[in-house]
Amino acid sequence: MSYPELDRVVQNFIAEISKTGIVLSPQSDLRLNTPELKVAVNRDKLGDVGVSVETVGRTLQTMLGGRQVTRFKKDGEQYDVMSRWRHATAAGRTTSVTSTCGGATAPWCNSPTWSTS
């Protein structure tokens, strides 16, 4: 399904659910003007250094969108602590990923390649 088709389906869904009155102010966070990131993972290269595709995925998630790493309490309130790189492309040049075989690290630059559009 293309993004314009997905947008049309989402808008139709929102219109229909709005008619029911069950959900107040339904919204979508789909943004078609957001740049797209294409990631190419060289599984052979990852396998050579013992890094899983799952590790690459978690690293990308942290770099680009952030990830909850812990929580803390202060004055009776609980707060999520999020980890995210400020400049993901620059961080990608210096970041390492951990191997599933023995915990050694491999430079991120040996892992996936990406391009934006």
Protein backbone atom coordinates (compact mmCIF):
# COMPACT_ATOMS: atom_id res chain seq x y z
CA MET A 1 0.00 0.00 0.00
CA SER A 2 1.38 3.41 -0.93
CA TYR A 3 1.52 6.30 1.52
CA PRO A 4 -1.24 8.26 -0.25
CA GLU A 5 -3.46 5.15 -0.11
CA LEU A 6 -2.66 4.71 3.57
CA ASP A 7 -3.51 8.35 4.23
CA ARG A 8 -6.85 7.92 2.45
CA VAL A 9 -7.67 4.82 4.54
CA VAL A 10 -6.70 6.61 7.76
CA GLN A 11 -8.81 9.66 6.90
CA ASN A 12 -11.81 7.45 6.05
CA PHE A 13 -11.36 5.58 9.34
CA ILE A 14 -11.20 8.83 11.30
CA ALA A 15 -14.33 10.12 9.54
CA GLU A 16 -16.25 6.92 10.29
CA ILE A 17 -15.17 6.66 13.92
CA SER A 18 -16.03 10.34 14.43
CA LYS A 19 -19.64 9.60 13.41
CA THR A 20 -20.05 7.07 16.23
CA GLY A 21 -19.40 9.53 19.04
CA ILE A 22 -17.45 6.82 20.90
CA VAL A 23 -14.08 8.49 20.32
CA LEU A 24 -13.75 12.23 20.85
CA SER A 25 -11.40 14.06 18.49
CA PRO A 26 -9.74 11.07 16.78
CA GLN A 27 -6.41 11.96 15.21
CA SER A 28 -3.62 10.36 13.24
CA ASP A 29 0.10 10.98 13.64
CA LEU A 30 0.79 9.93 10.04
CA ARG A 31 2.86 12.71 8.43
CA LEU A 32 3.44 12.25 4.73
CA ASN A 33 5.84 15.18 4.52
CA THR A 34 8.31 13.56 6.92
CA PRO A 35 11.55 12.42 5.28
CA GLU A 36 11.85 8.71 4.71
CA LEU A 37 14.84 6.74 5.90
CA LYS A 38 15.88 3.69 3.90
CA VAL A 39 18.16 1.25 5.70
CA ALA A 40 20.17 -1.47 3.97
CA VAL A 41 21.50 -4.12 6.34
CA ASN A 42 24.37 -6.33 5.19
CA ARG A 43 23.49 -9.48 7.13
CA ASP A 44 26.70 -11.26 6.08
CA LYS A 45 28.85 -8.42 7.44
CA LEU A 46 26.83 -8.33 10.66
CA GLY A 47 27.17 -12.08 11.02
CA ASP A 48 30.94 -11.83 10.58
CA VAL A 49 31.21 -9.57 13.63
CA GLY A 50 28.43 -11.30 15.60
CA VAL A 51 25.92 -8.43 15.60
CA SER A 52 22.23 -9.29 15.27
CA VAL A 53 19.76 -7.41 13.07
CA GLU A 54 17.71 -6.90 16.24
CA THR A 55 20.64 -4.97 17.77
CA VAL A 56 20.84 -2.79 14.67
CA GLY A 57 17.09 -2.13 14.92
CA ARG A 58 17.28 -1.15 18.59
CA THR A 59 20.25 1.11 17.87
CA LEU A 60 18.36 2.83 15.04
CA GLN A 61 15.33 3.22 17.27
CA THR A 62 17.43 4.91 19.93
CA MET A 63 19.27 7.11 17.43
CA LEU A 64 16.21 8.34 15.60
CA GLY A 65 13.20 8.14 17.86
CA GLY A 66 14.49 7.60 21.35
CA ARG A 67 13.93 4.76 23.75
CA GLN A 68 12.93 4.56 27.39
CA VAL A 69 15.98 3.37 29.31
CA THR A 70 14.78 3.73 32.92
CA ARG A 71 12.46 5.64 35.24
CA PHE A 72 13.04 7.76 38.31
CA LYS A 73 10.88 9.19 41.06
CA LYS A 74 11.06 12.69 42.47
CA ASP A 75 8.63 14.25 44.91
CA GLY A 76 6.18 11.38 44.46
CA GLU A 77 6.09 11.68 40.66
CA GLN A 78 7.53 9.07 38.30
CA TYR A 79 9.39 10.15 35.15
CA ASP A 80 10.54 8.17 32.10
CA VAL A 81 14.17 8.64 31.09
CA MET A 82 14.56 8.60 27.32
CA SER A 83 17.75 8.11 25.35
CA ARG A 84 18.17 9.64 21.90
CA TRP A 85 21.03 11.09 19.89
CA ARG A 86 20.67 14.72 18.95
CA HIS A 87 22.32 14.33 15.53
CA ALA A 88 21.78 10.76 14.39
CA THR A 89 23.91 10.96 11.25
CA ALA A 90 26.96 12.24 13.12
CA ALA A 91 26.41 9.74 15.94
CA GLY A 92 26.30 6.93 13.41
CA ARG A 93 29.94 7.55 12.51
CA THR A 94 31.19 7.09 16.06
CA THR A 95 28.73 4.61 17.59
CA SER A 96 29.46 0.96 18.24
CA VAL A 97 27.03 -1.94 18.46
CA THR A 98 27.54 -4.89 20.79
CA SER A 99 28.10 -8.38 19.45
CA THR A 100 25.88 -11.19 20.68
CA CYS A 101 28.98 -13.42 20.76
CA GLY A 102 31.08 -12.45 23.75
CA GLY A 103 29.99 -8.82 24.04
CA ALA A 104 32.67 -7.36 21.75
CA THR A 105 31.78 -4.12 19.99
CA ALA A 106 31.80 -3.39 16.28
CA PRO A 107 31.83 0.08 14.73
CA TRP A 108 28.37 1.19 13.59
CA CYS A 109 29.85 2.19 10.24
CA ASN A 110 30.36 -1.55 9.55
CA SER A 111 26.64 -2.20 10.01
CA PRO A 112 23.86 -0.70 7.90
CA THR A 113 23.93 2.04 5.32
CA TRP A 114 21.10 4.51 5.04
CA SER A 115 19.80 7.24 2.80
CA THR A 116 17.03 9.77 3.17
CA SER A 117 14.48 11.00 0.69
